[in-house]
PDB file of N, CA and C in Angstrom:
ATOM      1  N   UNK A   1    -209.811 -99.615 103.669  1.00  0.00           N
ATOM      2  CA  UNK A   1    -210.110 -98.181 103.642  1.00  0.00           C
ATOM      3  C   UNK A   1    -209.043 -97.403 104.411  1.00  0.00           C
ATOM      4  N   UNK A   2    -208.753 -97.865 105.620  1.00  0.00           N
ATOM      5  CA  UNK A   2    -207.746 -97.183 106.431  1.00  0.00           C
ATOM      6  C   UNK A   2    -206.377 -97.272 105.770  1.00  0.00           C
ATOM      7  N   UNK A   3    -206.122 -98.428 105.157  1.00  0.00           N
ATOM      8  CA  UNK A   3    -204.822 -98.605 104.502  1.00  0.00           C
ATOM      9  C   UNK A   3    -204.674 -97.606 103.356  1.00  0.00           C
ATOM     10  N   UNK A   4    -205.759 -97.417 102.586  1.00  0.00           N
ATOM     11  CA  UNK A   4    -205.696 -96.492 101.461  1.00  0.00           C
ATOM     12  C   UNK A   4    -205.454 -95.061 101.950  1.00  0.00           C
ATOM     13  N   UNK A   5    -206.120 -94.695 103.041  1.00  0.00           N
ATOM     14  CA  UNK A   5    -205.919 -93.351 103.586  1.00  0.00           C
ATOM     15  C   UNK A   5    -204.472 -93.190 104.026  1.00  0.00           C
ATOM     16  N   UNK A   6    -203.897 -94.228 104.638  1.00  0.00           N
ATOM     17  CA  UNK A   6    -202.528 -94.154 105.114  1.00  0.00           C
ATOM     18  C   UNK A   6    -201.570 -93.966 103.924  1.00  0.00           C
ATOM     19  N   UNK A   7    -201.819 -94.700 102.844  1.00  0.00           N
ATOM     20  CA  UNK A   7    -200.976 -94.575 101.650  1.00  0.00           C
ATOM     21  C   UNK A   7    -201.122 -93.168 101.062  1.00  0.00           C
ATOM     22  N   UNK A   8    -202.349 -92.666 101.006  1.00  0.00           N
ATOM     23  CA  UNK A   8    -202.569 -91.308 100.507  1.00  0.00           C
ATOM     24  C   UNK A   8    -201.822 -90.300 101.362  1.00  0.00           C
ATOM     25  N   UNK A   9    -201.820 -90.519 102.664  1.00  0.00           N
ATOM     26  CA  UNK A   9    -201.128 -89.603 103.564  1.00  0.00           C
ATOM     27  C   UNK A   9    -199.632 -89.605 103.283  1.00  0.00           C
ATOM     28  N   UNK A  10    -199.110 -90.777 102.915  1.00  0.00           N
ATOM     29  CA  UNK A  10    -197.685 -90.843 102.579  1.00  0.00           C
ATOM     30  C   UNK A  10    -197.388 -90.040 101.313  1.00  0.00           C
ATOM     31  N   UNK A  11    -198.281 -90.153 100.324  1.00  0.00           N
ATOM     32  CA  UNK A  11    -198.018 -89.485  99.055  1.00  0.00           C
ATOM     33  C   UNK A  11    -198.375 -88.007  99.096  1.00  0.00           C
ATOM     34  N   UNK A  12    -199.443 -87.662  99.833  1.00  0.00           N
ATOM     35  CA  UNK A  12    -199.918 -86.273  99.841  1.00  0.00           C
ATOM     36  C   UNK A  12    -200.038 -85.765 101.278  1.00  0.00           C
ATOM     37  N   UNK A  13    -198.930 -85.589 101.986  1.00  0.00           N
ATOM     38  CA  UNK A  13    -199.026 -85.129 103.376  1.00  0.00           C
ATOM     39  C   UNK A  13    -199.630 -83.732 103.476  1.00  0.00           C
ATOM     40  N   UNK A  14    -199.262 -82.855 102.531  1.00  0.00           N
ATOM     41  CA  UNK A  14    -199.774 -81.483 102.590  1.00  0.00           C
ATOM     42  C   UNK A  14    -201.296 -81.476 102.446  1.00  0.00           C
ATOM     43  N   UNK A  15    -201.814 -82.280 101.517  1.00  0.00           N
ATOM     44  CA  UNK A  15    -203.260 -82.342 101.313  1.00  0.00           C
ATOM     45  C   UNK A  15    -203.956 -82.842 102.576  1.00  0.00           C
ATOM     46  N   UNK A  16    -203.382 -83.871 103.183  1.00  0.00           N
ATOM     47  CA  UNK A  16    -203.984 -84.444 104.379  1.00  0.00           C
ATOM     48  C   UNK A  16    -204.013 -83.418 105.499  1.00  0.00           C
ATOM     49  N   UNK A  17    -202.889 -82.737 105.675  1.00  0.00           N
ATOM     50  CA  UNK A  17    -202.818 -81.732 106.742  1.00  0.00           C
ATOM     51  C   UNK A  17    -203.833 -80.629 106.488  1.00  0.00           C
ATOM     52  N   UNK A  18    -203.913 -80.176 105.233  1.00  0.00           N
ATOM     53  CA  UNK A  18    -204.850 -79.101 104.917  1.00  0.00           C
ATOM     54  C   UNK A  18    -206.284 -79.543 105.182  1.00  0.00           C
ATOM     55  N   UNK A  19    -206.620 -80.753 104.784  1.00  0.00           N
ATOM     56  CA  UNK A  19    -207.975 -81.251 104.968  1.00  0.00           C
ATOM     57  C   UNK A  19    -208.314 -81.360 106.456  1.00  0.00           C
ATOM     58  N   UNK A  20    -207.387 -81.924 107.231  1.00  0.00           N
ATOM     59  CA  UNK A  20    -207.663 -82.090 108.662  1.00  0.00           C
ATOM     60  C   UNK A  20    -207.763 -80.734 109.339  1.00  0.00           C
ATOM     61  N   UNK A  21    -206.937 -79.772 108.889  1.00  0.00           N
ATOM     62  CA  UNK A  21    -206.994 -78.435 109.477  1.00  0.00           C
ATOM     63  C   UNK A  21    -208.338 -77.782 109.188  1.00  0.00           C
ATOM     64  N   UNK A  22    -208.813 -77.925 107.935  1.00  0.00           N
ATOM     65  CA  UNK A  22    -210.107 -77.357 107.576  1.00  0.00           C
ATOM     66  C   UNK A  22    -211.212 -78.000 108.399  1.00  0.00           C
ATOM     67  N   UNK A  23    -211.147 -79.312 108.545  1.00  0.00           N
ATOM     68  CA  UNK A  23    -212.145 -80.030 109.317  1.00  0.00           C
ATOM     69  C   UNK A  23    -212.138 -79.568 110.762  1.00  0.00           C
ATOM     70  N   UNK A  24    -210.935 -79.425 111.333  1.00  0.00           N
ATOM     71  CA  UNK A  24    -210.823 -78.968 112.713  1.00  0.00           C
ATOM     72  C   UNK A  24    -211.438 -77.581 112.864  1.00  0.00           C
ATOM     73  N   UNK A  25    -211.153 -76.695 111.889  1.00  0.00           N
ATOM     74  CA  UNK A  25    -211.685 -75.335 111.951  1.00  0.00           C
ATOM     75  C   UNK A  25    -213.208 -75.363 111.923  1.00  0.00           C
ATOM     76  N   UNK A  26    -213.772 -76.198 111.043  1.00  0.00           N
ATOM     77  CA  UNK A  26    -215.225 -76.292 110.950  1.00  0.00           C
ATOM     78  C   UNK A  26    -215.816 -76.790 112.260  1.00  0.00           C
ATOM     79  N   UNK A  27    -215.187 -77.823 112.840  1.00  0.00           N
ATOM     80  CA  UNK A  27    -215.683 -78.372 114.101  1.00  0.00           C
ATOM     81  C   UNK A  27    -215.620 -77.314 115.203  1.00  0.00           C
ATOM     82  N   UNK A  28    -214.501 -76.570 115.241  1.00  0.00           N
ATOM     83  CA  UNK A  28    -214.348 -75.554 116.274  1.00  0.00           C
ATOM     84  C   UNK A  28    -215.422 -74.481 116.149  1.00  0.00           C
ATOM     85  N   UNK A  29    -215.649 -73.991 114.931  1.00  0.00           N
ATOM     86  CA  UNK A  29    -216.641 -72.934 114.739  1.00  0.00           C
ATOM     87  C   UNK A  29    -218.033 -73.458 115.080  1.00  0.00           C
ATOM     88  N   UNK A  30    -218.332 -74.715 114.702  1.00  0.00           N
ATOM     89  CA  UNK A  30    -219.626 -75.305 115.016  1.00  0.00           C
ATOM     90  C   UNK A  30    -219.808 -75.413 116.520  1.00  0.00           C
ATOM     91  N   UNK A  31    -218.743 -75.867 117.210  1.00  0.00           N
ATOM     92  CA  UNK A  31    -218.823 -76.003 118.663  1.00  0.00           C
ATOM     93  C   UNK A  31    -219.031 -74.645 119.314  1.00  0.00           C
ATOM     94  N   UNK A  32    -218.320 -73.626 118.801  1.00  0.00           N
ATOM     95  CA  UNK A  32    -218.435 -72.294 119.382  1.00  0.00           C
ATOM     96  C   UNK A  32    -219.849 -71.766 119.221  1.00  0.00           C
ATOM     97  N   UNK A  33    -220.430 -71.904 118.017  1.00  0.00           N
ATOM     98  CA  UNK A  33    -221.777 -71.397 117.780  1.00  0.00           C
ATOM     99  C   UNK A  33    -222.780 -72.170 118.629  1.00  0.00           C
ATOM    100  N   UNK A  34    -222.567 -73.483 118.767  1.00  0.00           N
ATOM    101  CA  UNK A  34    -223.456 -74.295 119.587  1.00  0.00           C
ATOM    102  C   UNK A  34    -223.403 -73.825 121.040  1.00  0.00           C
ATOM    103  N   UNK A  35    -222.197 -73.543 121.536  1.00  0.00           N
ATOM    104  CA  UNK A  35    -222.048 -73.090 122.920  1.00  0.00           C
ATOM    105  C   UNK A  35    -222.721 -71.743 123.130  1.00  0.00           C
ATOM    106  N   UNK A  36    -222.552 -70.827 122.165  1.00  0.00           N
ATOM    107  CA  UNK A  36    -223.185 -69.514 122.281  1.00  0.00           C
ATOM    108  C   UNK A  36    -224.705 -69.664 122.315  1.00  0.00           C
ATOM    109  N   UNK A  37    -225.225 -70.515 121.435  1.00  0.00           N
ATOM    110  CA  UNK A  37    -226.668 -70.747 121.393  1.00  0.00           C
ATOM    111  C   UNK A  37    -227.154 -71.327 122.714  1.00  0.00           C
ATOM    112  N   UNK A  38    -226.403 -72.294 123.255  1.00  0.00           N
ATOM    113  CA  UNK A  38    -226.769 -72.914 124.525  1.00  0.00           C
ATOM    114  C   UNK A  38    -226.788 -71.880 125.640  1.00  0.00           C
ATOM    115  N   UNK A  39    -225.752 -71.039 125.693  1.00  0.00           N
ATOM    116  CA  UNK A  39    -225.651 -70.002 126.721  1.00  0.00           C
ATOM    117  C   UNK A  39    -226.842 -69.054 126.618  1.00  0.00           C
ATOM    118  N   UNK A  40    -227.171 -68.655 125.387  1.00  0.00           N
ATOM    119  CA  UNK A  40    -228.271 -67.727 125.163  1.00  0.00           C
ATOM    120  C   UNK A  40    -229.579 -68.322 125.659  1.00  0.00           C
ATOM    121  N   UNK A  41    -229.825 -69.586 125.287  1.00  0.00           N
ATOM    122  CA  UNK A  41    -231.074 -70.229 125.694  1.00  0.00           C
ATOM    123  C   UNK A  41    -231.139 -70.376 127.204  1.00  0.00           C
ATOM    124  N   UNK A  42    -229.995 -70.724 127.824  1.00  0.00           N
ATOM    125  CA  UNK A  42    -229.985 -70.906 129.264  1.00  0.00           C
ATOM    126  C   UNK A  42    -230.289 -69.588 129.966  1.00  0.00           C
ATOM    127  N   UNK A  43    -229.692 -68.497 129.458  1.00  0.00           N
ATOM    128  CA  UNK A  43    -229.949 -67.192 130.070  1.00  0.00           C
ATOM    129  C   UNK A  43    -231.409 -66.794 129.910  1.00  0.00           C
ATOM    130  N   UNK A  44    -231.975 -67.049 128.732  1.00  0.00           N
ATOM    131  CA  UNK A  44    -233.383 -66.740 128.504  1.00  0.00           C
ATOM    132  C   UNK A  44    -234.258 -67.549 129.448  1.00  0.00           C
ATOM    133  N   UNK A  45    -233.932 -68.822 129.626  1.00  0.00           N
ATOM    134  CA  UNK A  45    -234.699 -69.698 130.502  1.00  0.00           C
ATOM    135  C   UNK A  45    -234.629 -69.200 131.940  1.00  0.00           C
ATOM    136  N   UNK A  46    -233.438 -68.822 132.373  1.00  0.00           N
ATOM    137  CA  UNK A  46    -233.288 -68.306 133.736  1.00  0.00           C
ATOM    138  C   UNK A  46    -234.130 -67.049 133.923  1.00  0.00           C
ATOM    139  N   UNK A  47    -234.110 -66.153 132.939  1.00  0.00           N
ATOM    140  CA  UNK A  47    -234.836 -64.893 133.053  1.00  0.00           C
ATOM    141  C   UNK A  47    -236.349 -65.156 133.083  1.00  0.00           C
ATOM    142  N   UNK A  48    -236.817 -66.117 132.278  1.00  0.00           N
ATOM    143  CA  UNK A  48    -238.255 -66.338 132.169  1.00  0.00           C
ATOM    144  C   UNK A  48    -238.791 -67.178 133.316  1.00  0.00           C
ATOM    145  N   UNK A  49    -237.999 -68.117 133.813  1.00  0.00           N
ATOM    146  CA  UNK A  49    -238.519 -69.099 134.774  1.00  0.00           C
ATOM    147  C   UNK A  49    -237.845 -68.964 136.141  1.00  0.00           C
ATOM    148  N   UNK A  50    -237.387 -67.800 136.466  1.00  0.00           N
ATOM    149  CA  UNK A  50    -236.780 -67.617 137.785  1.00  0.00           C
ATOM    150  C   UNK A  50    -235.326 -67.905 137.723  1.00  0.00           C
TER     151      UNK A  50
END
């Protein structure tokens, strides 16, 4: 499996880069939204429970 991906990367570097960039962007946005949600909940908890 890894070997096939490596060969694909040799033949289609642009595709690989684009895919990894899209994946990174998705992960970043997910992490950001998760952090915002966590911050919001923590602030609500602090306000409600002292």
